[in-house]
Amino acid sequence: MTDNGDSPDRPPYRPPAFASTDARSDAGSSAFPWLLFLIVLLPLGLLMLGVAAYVGHARIDAMIAVERANTGIAVGVVSGRLNDELRVPVRHLQALAGELPVRSAITSAEPGAAGLDAAFLSLMERNPNYDQVRWLDAGGRERVRLQREGGQVQRVASVALQDKSDRPYFREAIRLEAGEMYVSPLDLNIEHGRIEEPYKPMLRVATPVDDAEGVRRGLLIINVLAQPILDAAEGSLGSSGNPVTLLNADGYSLRSPEPEQDFGFMFGRDDSYARRHPEVWARMTATAETAEAVLETVENELPSDFPAKLWEAVAAGLRRGSGRPG
């Protein structure tokens, strides 16, 4: 019997399956997204990260530049205010040294001359920041001294006048030419060999005086209370909120957020800012000569129009740094 159809005993015909080829195709399809990521997306992601890092660094650099600019402005403001505050007693001392009653009394060596007392008294009454006005003779002995006591200006009795010949400000100022100005380092006032209490931050402005024949007759000195000057300098920054640290040339703080650290050189302490922060101090002093006070981490120079003679006096005071005052 001819077989024209499927035999009930024979399974139906099915074409062979190429299982190995399909498996490779499926594996290739599943690997394609990862290849796409590695070839396209990963470099793109790295590029985006690089751009973000560049933008981030650029923003940081811009912020640093702004901060530096703001700090530079602050330095200029504070140094300008200090400059202005120093100009006033210098101008007053120049005028005092030129007054005829003052010159006559000094030339004649008459400390009791009424004109001398009147000139000193008038100057102090018009300037409440002046703590003392004095005439020292060529040997360093106080001849006339008016000082502020309890809000009143008083003439110190002759028996209470002191010998200041051993004080640095006398030794420095007496060597100047007549008419030149000396500005002492900013420190605490000393009377009778002891630091005065409560503490009085003090600046001394001095000028030599000669008679008509050119004979040295001593010094005229104004003791200027420095606390109002420090307050004015910091106040010139307004409400910036940035703490200000003023340092002398030896790296000791004169005004800082830690008052107990201020004027350490007056007490024989070796705890200067320069010692506590040597790396910062090295950066501050490596670039140029420092001025009377510097802002923390920033050089602070007096403006270029500062009077030449006064600048020389300030620079001399800086070189002495922590000399004992009087």
C-alpha atoms as a PDB file:
ATOM      1  CA  MET A   1       0.000   0.000   0.000  1.00  0.00           C
ATOM      2  CA  THR A   2       1.448   3.303  -1.088  1.00  0.00           C
ATOM      3  CA  ASP A   3       2.224   5.795   1.686  1.00  0.00           C
ATOM      4  CA  ASN A   4       0.703   9.143   0.574  1.00  0.00           C
ATOM      5  CA  GLY A   5       0.402  10.768   3.969  1.00  0.00           C
ATOM      6  CA  ASP A   6       1.741  10.795   7.425  1.00  0.00           C
ATOM      7  CA  SER A   7       1.984   7.532   9.073  1.00  0.00           C
ATOM      8  CA  PRO A   8       0.312   7.420  12.369  1.00  0.00           C
ATOM      9  CA  ASP A   9       3.489   5.816  13.761  1.00  0.00           C
ATOM     10  CA  ARG A  10       5.945   8.458  12.404  1.00  0.00           C
ATOM     11  CA  PRO A  11       6.395  11.870  14.080  1.00  0.00           C
ATOM     12  CA  PRO A  12       5.737  14.924  11.943  1.00  0.00           C
ATOM     13  CA  TYR A  13       8.691  16.556  10.120  1.00  0.00           C
ATOM     14  CA  ARG A  14      10.204  19.644  11.725  1.00  0.00           C
ATOM     15  CA  PRO A  15      13.116  21.676  10.298  1.00  0.00           C
ATOM     16  CA  PRO A  16      16.302  21.574  12.355  1.00  0.00           C
ATOM     17  CA  ALA A  17      16.733  24.410  14.902  1.00  0.00           C
ATOM     18  CA  PHE A  18      20.004  26.426  14.803  1.00  0.00           C
ATOM     19  CA  ALA A  19      20.145  26.854  18.537  1.00  0.00           C
ATOM     20  CA  SER A  20      23.830  27.908  18.689  1.00  0.00           C
ATOM     21  CA  THR A  21      23.343  30.799  16.219  1.00  0.00           C
ATOM     22  CA  ASP A  22      20.317  32.205  18.080  1.00  0.00           C
ATOM     23  CA  ALA A  23      22.182  32.006  21.372  1.00  0.00           C
ATOM     24  CA  ARG A  24      25.054  34.067  19.942  1.00  0.00           C
ATOM     25  CA  SER A  25      22.566  36.567  18.546  1.00  0.00           C
ATOM     26  CA  ASP A  26      20.805  36.925  21.907  1.00  0.00           C
ATOM     27  CA  ALA A  27      24.134  37.332  23.713  1.00  0.00           C
ATOM     28  CA  GLY A  28      25.214  40.010  21.222  1.00  0.00           C
ATOM     29  CA  SER A  29      21.958  41.889  21.664  1.00  0.00           C
ATOM     30  CA  SER A  30      22.302  41.922  25.454  1.00  0.00           C
ATOM     31  CA  ALA A  31      25.925  43.162  25.275  1.00  0.00           C
ATOM     32  CA  PHE A  32      25.128  46.039  22.903  1.00  0.00           C
ATOM     33  CA  PRO A  33      23.899  48.558  25.583  1.00  0.00           C
ATOM     34  CA  TRP A  34      27.080  48.090  27.571  1.00  0.00           C
ATOM     35  CA  LEU A  35      29.198  48.605  24.488  1.00  0.00           C
ATOM     36  CA  LEU A  36      27.174  51.732  23.713  1.00  0.00           C
ATOM     37  CA  PHE A  37      27.764  52.984  27.267  1.00  0.00           C
ATOM     38  CA  LEU A  38      31.488  52.317  27.077  1.00  0.00           C
ATOM     39  CA  ILE A  39      31.914  53.852  23.645  1.00  0.00           C
ATOM     40  CA  VAL A  40      29.595  56.880  23.914  1.00  0.00           C
ATOM     41  CA  LEU A  41      28.121  57.519  27.306  1.00  0.00           C
ATOM     42  CA  LEU A  42      31.193  56.963  29.497  1.00  0.00           C
ATOM     43  CA  PRO A  43      33.382  59.521  27.658  1.00  0.00           C
ATOM     44  CA  LEU A  44      30.447  61.908  27.668  1.00  0.00           C
ATOM     45  CA  GLY A  45      30.056  61.439  31.399  1.00  0.00           C
ATOM     46  CA  LEU A  46      33.751  61.994  31.978  1.00  0.00           C
ATOM     47  CA  LEU A  47      33.574  65.117  29.848  1.00  0.00           C
ATOM     48  CA  MET A  48      30.660  66.411  31.908  1.00  0.00           C
ATOM     49  CA  LEU A  49      32.565  65.691  35.118  1.00  0.00           C
ATOM     50  CA  GLY A  50      35.560  67.551  33.746  1.00  0.00           C
ATOM     51  CA  VAL A  51      33.426  70.530  32.796  1.00  0.00           C
ATOM     52  CA  ALA A  52      31.812  70.529  36.235  1.00  0.00           C
ATOM     53  CA  ALA A  53      35.215  70.366  37.924  1.00  0.00           C
ATOM     54  CA  TYR A  54      36.497  73.230  35.752  1.00  0.00           C
ATOM     55  CA  VAL A  55      33.436  75.352  36.511  1.00  0.00           C
ATOM     56  CA  GLY A  56      33.756  74.509  40.196  1.00  0.00           C
ATOM     57  CA  HIS A  57      37.415  75.507  40.294  1.00  0.00           C
ATOM     58  CA  ALA A  58      36.640  78.643  38.316  1.00  0.00           C
ATOM     59  CA  ARG A  59      33.959  79.589  40.826  1.00  0.00           C
ATOM     60  CA  ILE A  60      36.343  78.908  43.718  1.00  0.00           C
ATOM     61  CA  ASP A  61      39.037  81.011  42.031  1.00  0.00           C
ATOM     62  CA  ALA A  62      36.504  83.782  41.481  1.00  0.00           C
ATOM     63  CA  MET A  63      35.424  83.640  45.125  1.00  0.00           C
ATOM     64  CA  ILE A  64      39.051  83.768  46.250  1.00  0.00           C
ATOM     65  CA  ALA A  65      39.690  86.720  43.955  1.00  0.00           C
ATOM     66  CA  VAL A  66      36.670  88.533  45.384  1.00  0.00           C
ATOM     67  CA  GLU A  67      37.801  87.792  48.931  1.00  0.00           C
ATOM     68  CA  ARG A  68      41.289  89.044  48.151  1.00  0.00           C
ATOM     69  CA  ALA A  69      39.869  92.189  46.619  1.00  0.00           C
ATOM     70  CA  ASN A  70      37.624  92.759  49.633  1.00  0.00           C
ATOM     71  CA  THR A  71      40.548  92.157  51.974  1.00  0.00           C
ATOM     72  CA  GLY A  72      42.674  94.584  49.995  1.00  0.00           C
ATOM     73  CA  ILE A  73      39.949  97.195  50.275  1.00  0.00           C
ATOM     74  CA  ALA A  74      39.730  96.566  54.022  1.00  0.00           C
ATOM     75  CA  VAL A  75      43.504  96.970  54.352  1.00  0.00           C
ATOM     76  CA  GLY A  76      43.331 100.259  52.483  1.00  0.00           C
ATOM     77  CA  VAL A  77      40.463 101.505  54.625  1.00  0.00           C
ATOM     78  CA  VAL A  78      42.147 100.632  57.921  1.00  0.00           C
ATOM     79  CA  SER A  79      45.582 101.942  56.910  1.00  0.00           C
ATOM     80  CA  GLY A  80      43.965 105.120  55.605  1.00  0.00           C
ATOM     81  CA  ARG A  81      42.173 105.632  58.889  1.00  0.00           C
ATOM     82  CA  LEU A  82      45.372 105.050  60.871  1.00  0.00           C
ATOM     83  CA  ASN A  83      47.115 107.493  58.562  1.00  0.00           C
ATOM     84  CA  ASP A  84      44.451 110.138  59.172  1.00  0.00           C
ATOM     85  CA  GLU A  85      44.558 109.611  62.913  1.00  0.00           C
ATOM     86  CA  LEU A  86      48.345 110.066  62.970  1.00  0.00           C
ATOM     87  CA  ARG A  87      48.308 113.218  60.873  1.00  0.00           C
ATOM     88  CA  VAL A  88      46.391 115.169  63.505  1.00  0.00           C
ATOM     89  CA  PRO A  89      48.871 115.038  66.443  1.00  0.00           C
ATOM     90  CA  VAL A  90      51.769 115.522  64.036  1.00  0.00           C
ATOM     91  CA  ARG A  91      50.196 118.703  62.715  1.00  0.00           C
ATOM     92  CA  HIS A  92      49.399 119.889  66.239  1.00  0.00           C
ATOM     93  CA  LEU A  93      52.940 119.260  67.443  1.00  0.00           C
ATOM     94  CA  GLN A  94      54.389 121.140  64.492  1.00  0.00           C
ATOM     95  CA  ALA A  95      52.150 124.107  65.321  1.00  0.00           C
ATOM     96  CA  LEU A  96      52.978 123.924  69.049  1.00  0.00           C
ATOM     97  CA  ALA A  97      56.724 123.943  68.377  1.00  0.00           C
ATOM     98  CA  GLY A  98      56.293 127.087  66.297  1.00  0.00           C
ATOM     99  CA  GLU A  99      54.294 129.122  68.837  1.00  0.00           C
ATOM    100  CA  LEU A 100      56.250 132.139  70.081  1.00  0.00           C
ATOM    101  CA  PRO A 101      55.402 131.734  73.813  1.00  0.00           C
ATOM    102  CA  VAL A 102      56.537 128.113  73.665  1.00  0.00           C
ATOM    103  CA  ARG A 103      59.790 128.897  71.881  1.00  0.00           C
ATOM    104  CA  SER A 104      60.505 131.799  74.214  1.00  0.00           C
ATOM    105  CA  ALA A 105      59.993 129.691  77.339  1.00  0.00           C
ATOM    106  CA  ILE A 106      62.120 126.837  76.030  1.00  0.00           C
ATOM    107  CA  THR A 107      64.904 129.122  74.788  1.00  0.00           C
ATOM    108  CA  SER A 108      65.057 130.919  78.119  1.00  0.00           C
ATOM    109  CA  ALA A 109      64.752 127.613  80.023  1.00  0.00           C
ATOM    110  CA  GLU A 110      61.834 128.983  82.034  1.00  0.00           C
ATOM    111  CA  PRO A 111      59.441 126.084  82.675  1.00  0.00           C
ATOM    112  CA  GLY A 112      57.243 128.342  84.776  1.00  0.00           C
ATOM    113  CA  ALA A 113      56.465 130.682  81.889  1.00  0.00           C
ATOM    114  CA  ALA A 114      52.733 131.294  81.736  1.00  0.00           C
ATOM    115  CA  GLY A 115      52.677 131.163  77.944  1.00  0.00           C
ATOM    116  CA  LEU A 116      53.999 127.598  77.918  1.00  0.00           C
ATOM    117  CA  ASP A 117      51.335 126.338  80.316  1.00  0.00           C
ATOM    118  CA  ALA A 118      48.604 128.133  78.406  1.00  0.00           C
ATOM    119  CA  ALA A 119      49.669 126.626  75.089  1.00  0.00           C
ATOM    120  CA  PHE A 120      49.837 123.093  76.529  1.00  0.00           C
ATOM    121  CA  LEU A 121      46.506 123.495  78.308  1.00  0.00           C
ATOM    122  CA  SER A 122      44.720 124.822  75.248  1.00  0.00           C
ATOM    123  CA  LEU A 123      45.990 121.929  73.129  1.00  0.00           C
ATOM    124  CA  MET A 124      44.845 119.295  75.620  1.00  0.00           C
ATOM    125  CA  GLU A 125      41.438 120.848  76.232  1.00  0.00           C
ATOM    126  CA  ARG A 126      40.722 120.835  72.503  1.00  0.00           C
ATOM    127  CA  ASN A 127      41.915 117.233  72.050  1.00  0.00           C
ATOM    128  CA  PRO A 128      40.547 114.773  74.630  1.00  0.00           C
ATOM    129  CA  ASN A 129      42.671 111.945  73.188  1.00  0.00           C
ATOM    130  CA  TYR A 130      45.857 113.671  74.323  1.00  0.00           C
ATOM    131  CA  ASP A 131      46.877 112.162  77.636  1.00  0.00           C
ATOM    132  CA  GLN A 132      50.028 114.230  78.213  1.00  0.00           C
ATOM    133  CA  VAL A 133      51.902 117.163  76.691  1.00  0.00           C
ATOM    134  CA  ARG A 134      55.516 117.558  77.844  1.00  0.00           C
ATOM    135  CA  TRP A 135      58.746 119.422  77.445  1.00  0.00           C
ATOM    136  CA  LEU A 136      61.854 117.346  78.146  1.00  0.00           C
ATOM    137  CA  ASP A 137      65.217 119.088  78.299  1.00  0.00           C
ATOM    138  CA  ALA A 138      68.225 117.919  76.282  1.00  0.00           C
ATOM    139  CA  GLY A 139      69.217 115.578  79.113  1.00  0.00           C
ATOM    140  CA  GLY A 140      65.861 113.774  79.129  1.00  0.00           C
ATOM    141  CA  ARG A 141      64.454 115.367  82.277  1.00  0.00           C
ATOM    142  CA  GLU A 142      60.810 116.439  82.250  1.00  0.00           C
ATOM    143  CA  ARG A 143      60.645 120.204  82.687  1.00  0.00           C
ATOM    144  CA  VAL A 144      56.919 120.750  82.091  1.00  0.00           C
ATOM    145  CA  ARG A 145      54.204 118.138  82.027  1.00  0.00           C
ATOM    146  CA  LEU A 146      50.460 118.552  81.761  1.00  0.00           C
ATOM    147  CA  GLN A 147      48.413 115.373  82.048  1.00  0.00           C
ATOM    148  CA  ARG A 148      44.809 114.285  82.163  1.00  0.00           C
ATOM    149  CA  GLU A 149      43.551 113.109  85.556  1.00  0.00           C
ATOM    150  CA  GLY A 150      39.906 112.248  86.153  1.00  0.00           C
ATOM    151  CA  GLY A 151      38.830 114.135  83.076  1.00  0.00           C
ATOM    152  CA  GLN A 152      40.722 117.283  84.133  1.00  0.00           C
ATOM    153  CA  VAL A 153      43.995 118.627  82.766  1.00  0.00           C
ATOM    154  CA  GLN A 154      46.517 119.243  85.542  1.00  0.00           C
ATOM    155  CA  ARG A 155      50.073 120.514  85.705  1.00  0.00           C
ATOM    156  CA  VAL A 156      52.362 118.010  87.405  1.00  0.00           C
ATOM    157  CA  ALA A 157      54.353 119.447  90.296  1.00  0.00           C
ATOM    158  CA  SER A 158      58.071 119.817  89.708  1.00  0.00           C
ATOM    159  CA  VAL A 159      58.902 117.255  92.434  1.00  0.00           C
ATOM    160  CA  ALA A 160      56.899 114.620  90.549  1.00  0.00           C
ATOM    161  CA  LEU A 161      58.611 115.146  87.204  1.00  0.00           C
ATOM    162  CA  GLN A 162      60.627 112.182  85.960  1.00  0.00           C
ATOM    163  CA  ASP A 163      63.892 111.428  84.197  1.00  0.00           C
ATOM    164  CA  LYS A 164      63.102 109.838  80.839  1.00  0.00           C
ATOM    165  CA  SER A 165      66.643 109.758  79.462  1.00  0.00           C
ATOM    166  CA  ASP A 166      66.687 105.941  79.411  1.00  0.00           C
ATOM    167  CA  ARG A 167      63.489 105.578  77.413  1.00  0.00           C
ATOM    168  CA  PRO A 168      63.763 104.512  73.764  1.00  0.00           C
ATOM    169  CA  TYR A 169      61.529 107.296  72.487  1.00  0.00           C
ATOM    170  CA  PHE A 170      63.824 109.935  74.013  1.00  0.00           C
ATOM    171  CA  ARG A 171      67.025 108.360  72.698  1.00  0.00           C
ATOM    172  CA  GLU A 172      65.578 108.107  69.190  1.00  0.00           C
ATOM    173  CA  ALA A 173      63.864 111.481  68.965  1.00  0.00           C
ATOM    174  CA  ILE A 174      66.694 113.552  70.440  1.00  0.00           C
ATOM    175  CA  ARG A 175      68.917 112.524  67.489  1.00  0.00           C
ATOM    176  CA  LEU A 176      66.545 113.966  64.876  1.00  0.00           C
ATOM    177  CA  GLU A 177      66.956 117.327  63.220  1.00  0.00           C
ATOM    178  CA  ALA A 178      64.847 120.192  64.543  1.00  0.00           C
ATOM    179  CA  GLY A 179      61.423 120.042  62.942  1.00  0.00           C
ATOM    180  CA  GLU A 180      61.550 116.312  62.187  1.00  0.00           C
ATOM    181  CA  MET A 181      58.868 114.098  63.673  1.00  0.00           C
ATOM    182  CA  TYR A 182      59.173 110.896  65.657  1.00  0.00           C
ATOM    183  CA  VAL A 183      56.308 108.447  66.202  1.00  0.00           C
ATOM    184  CA  SER A 184      56.862 105.749  68.808  1.00  0.00           C
ATOM    185  CA  PRO A 185      55.777 102.128  68.526  1.00  0.00           C
ATOM    186  CA  LEU A 186      52.279 101.544  69.881  1.00  0.00           C
ATOM    187  CA  ASP A 187      52.537 100.056  73.362  1.00  0.00           C
ATOM    188  CA  LEU A 188      51.290 100.435  76.941  1.00  0.00           C
ATOM    189  CA  ASN A 189      52.124 103.487  79.006  1.00  0.00           C
ATOM    190  CA  ILE A 190      54.708 103.238  81.775  1.00  0.00           C
ATOM    191  CA  GLU A 191      54.987 105.567  84.770  1.00  0.00           C
ATOM    192  CA  HIS A 192      57.741 105.359  87.397  1.00  0.00           C
ATOM    193  CA  GLY A 193      59.022 102.127  85.853  1.00  0.00           C
ATOM    194  CA  ARG A 194      55.691 100.277  86.002  1.00  0.00           C
ATOM    195  CA  ILE A 195      52.992  99.584  83.434  1.00  0.00           C
ATOM    196  CA  GLU A 196      50.133 101.931  84.218  1.00  0.00           C
ATOM    197  CA  GLU A 197      46.818 100.347  85.198  1.00  0.00           C
ATOM    198  CA  PRO A 198      44.259 100.222  83.831  1.00  0.00           C
ATOM    199  CA  TYR A 199      46.275  99.642  80.709  1.00  0.00           C
ATOM    200  CA  LYS A 200      46.669 102.594  78.357  1.00  0.00           C
ATOM    201  CA  PRO A 201      47.677 101.815  74.765  1.00  0.00           C
ATOM    202  CA  MET A 202      49.811 104.802  73.823  1.00  0.00           C
ATOM    203  CA  LEU A 203      51.545 106.518  70.924  1.00  0.00           C
ATOM    204  CA  ARG A 204      54.087 109.270  71.444  1.00  0.00           C
ATOM    205  CA  VAL A 205      54.735 111.970  68.880  1.00  0.00           C
ATOM    206  CA  ALA A 206      57.898 113.972  69.508  1.00  0.00           C
ATOM    207  CA  THR A 207      59.982 116.677  67.835  1.00  0.00           C
ATOM    208  CA  PRO A 208      63.306 118.244  68.835  1.00  0.00           C
ATOM    209  CA  VAL A 209      63.439 121.974  69.632  1.00  0.00           C
ATOM    210  CA  ASP A 210      66.496 124.236  69.233  1.00  0.00           C
ATOM    211  CA  ASP A 211      67.024 127.836  70.230  1.00  0.00           C
ATOM    212  CA  ALA A 212      67.865 130.650  67.813  1.00  0.00           C
ATOM    213  CA  GLU A 213      71.567 129.698  67.908  1.00  0.00           C
ATOM    214  CA  GLY A 214      70.809 126.078  67.050  1.00  0.00           C
ATOM    215  CA  VAL A 215      71.460 124.743  70.552  1.00  0.00           C
ATOM    216  CA  ARG A 216      69.357 121.686  71.329  1.00  0.00           C
ATOM    217  CA  ARG A 217      66.859 122.515  74.088  1.00  0.00           C
ATOM    218  CA  GLY A 218      65.093 119.167  74.271  1.00  0.00           C
ATOM    219  CA  LEU A 219      61.879 117.640  72.981  1.00  0.00           C
ATOM    220  CA  LEU A 220      58.208 118.468  72.798  1.00  0.00           C
ATOM    221  CA  ILE A 221      56.090 115.336  73.183  1.00  0.00           C
ATOM    222  CA  ILE A 222      52.400 114.530  72.899  1.00  0.00           C
ATOM    223  CA  ASN A 223      51.221 111.265  74.443  1.00  0.00           C
ATOM    224  CA  VAL A 224      48.249 110.147  72.354  1.00  0.00           C
ATOM    225  CA  LEU A 225      45.742 107.652  73.753  1.00  0.00           C
ATOM    226  CA  ALA A 226      45.775 104.873  71.165  1.00  0.00           C
ATOM    227  CA  GLN A 227      42.607 103.058  72.153  1.00  0.00           C
ATOM    228  CA  PRO A 228      40.335 105.517  70.281  1.00  0.00           C
ATOM    229  CA  ILE A 229      42.630 105.175  67.256  1.00  0.00           C
ATOM    230  CA  LEU A 230      42.356 101.382  67.336  1.00  0.00           C
ATOM    231  CA  ASP A 231      38.581 101.638  67.762  1.00  0.00           C
ATOM    232  CA  ALA A 232      38.317 104.055  64.845  1.00  0.00           C
ATOM    233  CA  ALA A 233      40.477 101.858  62.617  1.00  0.00           C
ATOM    234  CA  GLU A 234      38.362  98.769  63.261  1.00  0.00           C
ATOM    235  CA  GLY A 235      35.143 100.782  63.092  1.00  0.00           C
ATOM    236  CA  SER A 236      36.102 102.013  59.635  1.00  0.00           C
ATOM    237  CA  LEU A 237      35.288  98.514  58.354  1.00  0.00           C
ATOM    238  CA  GLY A 238      31.659  98.949  59.364  1.00  0.00           C
ATOM    239  CA  SER A 239      29.625  95.869  60.178  1.00  0.00           C
ATOM    240  CA  SER A 240      31.611  93.486  57.987  1.00  0.00           C
ATOM    241  CA  GLY A 241      31.791  90.992  60.833  1.00  0.00           C
ATOM    242  CA  ASN A 242      35.391  90.105  59.979  1.00  0.00           C
ATOM    243  CA  PRO A 243      37.628  90.163  63.058  1.00  0.00           C
ATOM    244  CA  VAL A 244      40.675  92.395  62.710  1.00  0.00           C
ATOM    245  CA  THR A 245      44.089  91.595  64.104  1.00  0.00           C
ATOM    246  CA  LEU A 246      46.621  94.420  64.225  1.00  0.00           C
ATOM    247  CA  LEU A 247      50.241  93.368  64.673  1.00  0.00           C
ATOM    248  CA  ASN A 248      53.461  95.235  65.324  1.00  0.00           C
ATOM    249  CA  ALA A 249      56.675  94.619  63.415  1.00  0.00           C
ATOM    250  CA  ASP A 250      57.691  91.779  65.757  1.00  0.00           C
ATOM    251  CA  GLY A 251      54.445  89.916  65.212  1.00  0.00           C
ATOM    252  CA  TYR A 252      52.835  90.757  68.562  1.00  0.00           C
ATOM    253  CA  SER A 253      49.150  91.588  68.479  1.00  0.00           C
ATOM    254  CA  LEU A 254      48.070  95.088  69.441  1.00  0.00           C
ATOM    255  CA  ARG A 255      44.382  94.411  68.942  1.00  0.00           C
ATOM    256  CA  SER A 256      42.823  91.040  68.278  1.00  0.00           C
ATOM    257  CA  PRO A 257      39.778  88.866  69.005  1.00  0.00           C
ATOM    258  CA  GLU A 258      41.868  87.482  71.919  1.00  0.00           C
ATOM    259  CA  PRO A 259      42.673  90.542  74.074  1.00  0.00           C
ATOM    260  CA  GLU A 260      44.590  88.455  76.584  1.00  0.00           C
ATOM    261  CA  GLN A 261      47.191  87.885  73.852  1.00  0.00           C
ATOM    262  CA  ASP A 262      47.673  91.589  73.091  1.00  0.00           C
ATOM    263  CA  PHE A 263      50.867  93.492  74.041  1.00  0.00           C
ATOM    264  CA  GLY A 264      52.597  90.303  75.112  1.00  0.00           C
ATOM    265  CA  PHE A 265      56.014  91.941  74.633  1.00  0.00           C
ATOM    266  CA  MET A 266      55.206  94.351  77.476  1.00  0.00           C
ATOM    267  CA  PHE A 267      55.019  91.431  79.910  1.00  0.00           C
ATOM    268  CA  GLY A 268      58.004  89.432  78.665  1.00  0.00           C
ATOM    269  CA  ARG A 269      55.818  86.785  77.043  1.00  0.00           C
ATOM    270  CA  ASP A 270      57.066  84.874  74.034  1.00  0.00           C
ATOM    271  CA  ASP A 271      53.605  84.183  72.650  1.00  0.00           C
ATOM    272  CA  SER A 272      53.557  86.457  69.635  1.00  0.00           C
ATOM    273  CA  TYR A 273      51.325  85.812  66.649  1.00  0.00           C
ATOM    274  CA  ALA A 274      54.528  85.232  64.673  1.00  0.00           C
ATOM    275  CA  ARG A 275      55.504  82.420  67.033  1.00  0.00           C
ATOM    276  CA  ARG A 276      52.036  80.864  67.200  1.00  0.00           C
ATOM    277  CA  HIS A 277      51.479  81.069  63.423  1.00  0.00           C
ATOM    278  CA  PRO A 278      54.968  80.995  61.874  1.00  0.00           C
ATOM    279  CA  GLU A 279      53.835  80.011  58.366  1.00  0.00           C
ATOM    280  CA  VAL A 280      51.275  82.792  58.144  1.00  0.00           C
ATOM    281  CA  TRP A 281      53.762  85.315  59.541  1.00  0.00           C
ATOM    282  CA  ALA A 282      56.403  84.199  57.034  1.00  0.00           C
ATOM    283  CA  ARG A 283      53.996  84.828  54.150  1.00  0.00           C
ATOM    284  CA  MET A 284      53.092  88.223  55.573  1.00  0.00           C
ATOM    285  CA  THR A 285      56.690  89.395  55.913  1.00  0.00           C
ATOM    286  CA  ALA A 286      58.232  87.743  52.857  1.00  0.00           C
ATOM    287  CA  THR A 287      56.994  90.195  50.250  1.00  0.00           C
ATOM    288  CA  ALA A 288      57.723  93.680  51.562  1.00  0.00           C
ATOM    289  CA  GLU A 289      58.506  95.824  54.583  1.00  0.00           C
ATOM    290  CA  THR A 290      55.631  95.870  57.051  1.00  0.00           C
ATOM    291  CA  ALA A 291      54.088  99.044  58.413  1.00  0.00           C
ATOM    292  CA  GLU A 292      53.012  99.944  61.955  1.00  0.00           C
ATOM    293  CA  ALA A 293      50.139  97.510  61.923  1.00  0.00           C
ATOM    294  CA  VAL A 294      49.138  94.756  59.525  1.00  0.00           C
ATOM    295  CA  LEU A 295      45.919  92.882  59.010  1.00  0.00           C
ATOM    296  CA  GLU A 296      46.008  89.181  59.610  1.00  0.00           C
ATOM    297  CA  THR A 297      47.564  87.358  56.605  1.00  0.00           C
ATOM    298  CA  VAL A 298      47.689  90.620  54.625  1.00  0.00           C
ATOM    299  CA  GLU A 299      50.496  93.152  54.310  1.00  0.00           C
ATOM    300  CA  ASN A 300      49.382  96.579  55.497  1.00  0.00           C
ATOM    301  CA  GLU A 301      51.413  99.510  54.165  1.00  0.00           C
ATOM    302  CA  LEU A 302      50.698 103.138  54.851  1.00  0.00           C
ATOM    303  CA  PRO A 303      49.527 105.026  51.739  1.00  0.00           C
ATOM    304  CA  SER A 304      52.186 106.354  49.372  1.00  0.00           C
ATOM    305  CA  ASP A 305      51.275 109.967  50.169  1.00  0.00           C
ATOM    306  CA  PHE A 306      52.180 109.525  53.856  1.00  0.00           C
ATOM    307  CA  PRO A 307      54.478 112.443  54.846  1.00  0.00           C
ATOM    308  CA  ALA A 308      58.071 111.434  54.171  1.00  0.00           C
ATOM    309  CA  LYS A 309      59.473 112.491  57.545  1.00  0.00           C
ATOM    310  CA  LEU A 310      56.621 110.867  59.405  1.00  0.00           C
ATOM    311  CA  TRP A 311      57.057 107.657  57.419  1.00  0.00           C
ATOM    312  CA  GLU A 312      60.749 107.629  58.344  1.00  0.00           C
ATOM    313  CA  ALA A 313      59.790 108.026  61.996  1.00  0.00           C
ATOM    314  CA  VAL A 314      57.225 105.224  61.807  1.00  0.00           C
ATOM    315  CA  ALA A 315      59.709 102.974  60.020  1.00  0.00           C
ATOM    316  CA  ALA A 316      62.286 103.691  62.747  1.00  0.00           C
ATOM    317  CA  GLY A 317      59.707 102.757  65.351  1.00  0.00           C
ATOM    318  CA  LEU A 318      58.987  99.518  63.517  1.00  0.00           C
ATOM    319  CA  ARG A 319      62.627  98.544  63.479  1.00  0.00           C
ATOM    320  CA  ARG A 320      62.718  98.945  67.252  1.00  0.00           C
ATOM    321  CA  GLY A 321      59.547  96.895  67.532  1.00  0.00           C
ATOM    322  CA  SER A 322      59.133  96.031  71.189  1.00  0.00           C
ATOM    323  CA  GLY A 323      61.297  98.687  72.838  1.00  0.00           C
ATOM    324  CA  ARG A 324      60.158  99.573  76.334  1.00  0.00           C
ATOM    325  CA  PRO A 325      58.068 102.740  76.400  1.00  0.00           C
ATOM    326  CA  GLY A 326      57.664 105.441  78.979  1.00  0.00           C
END
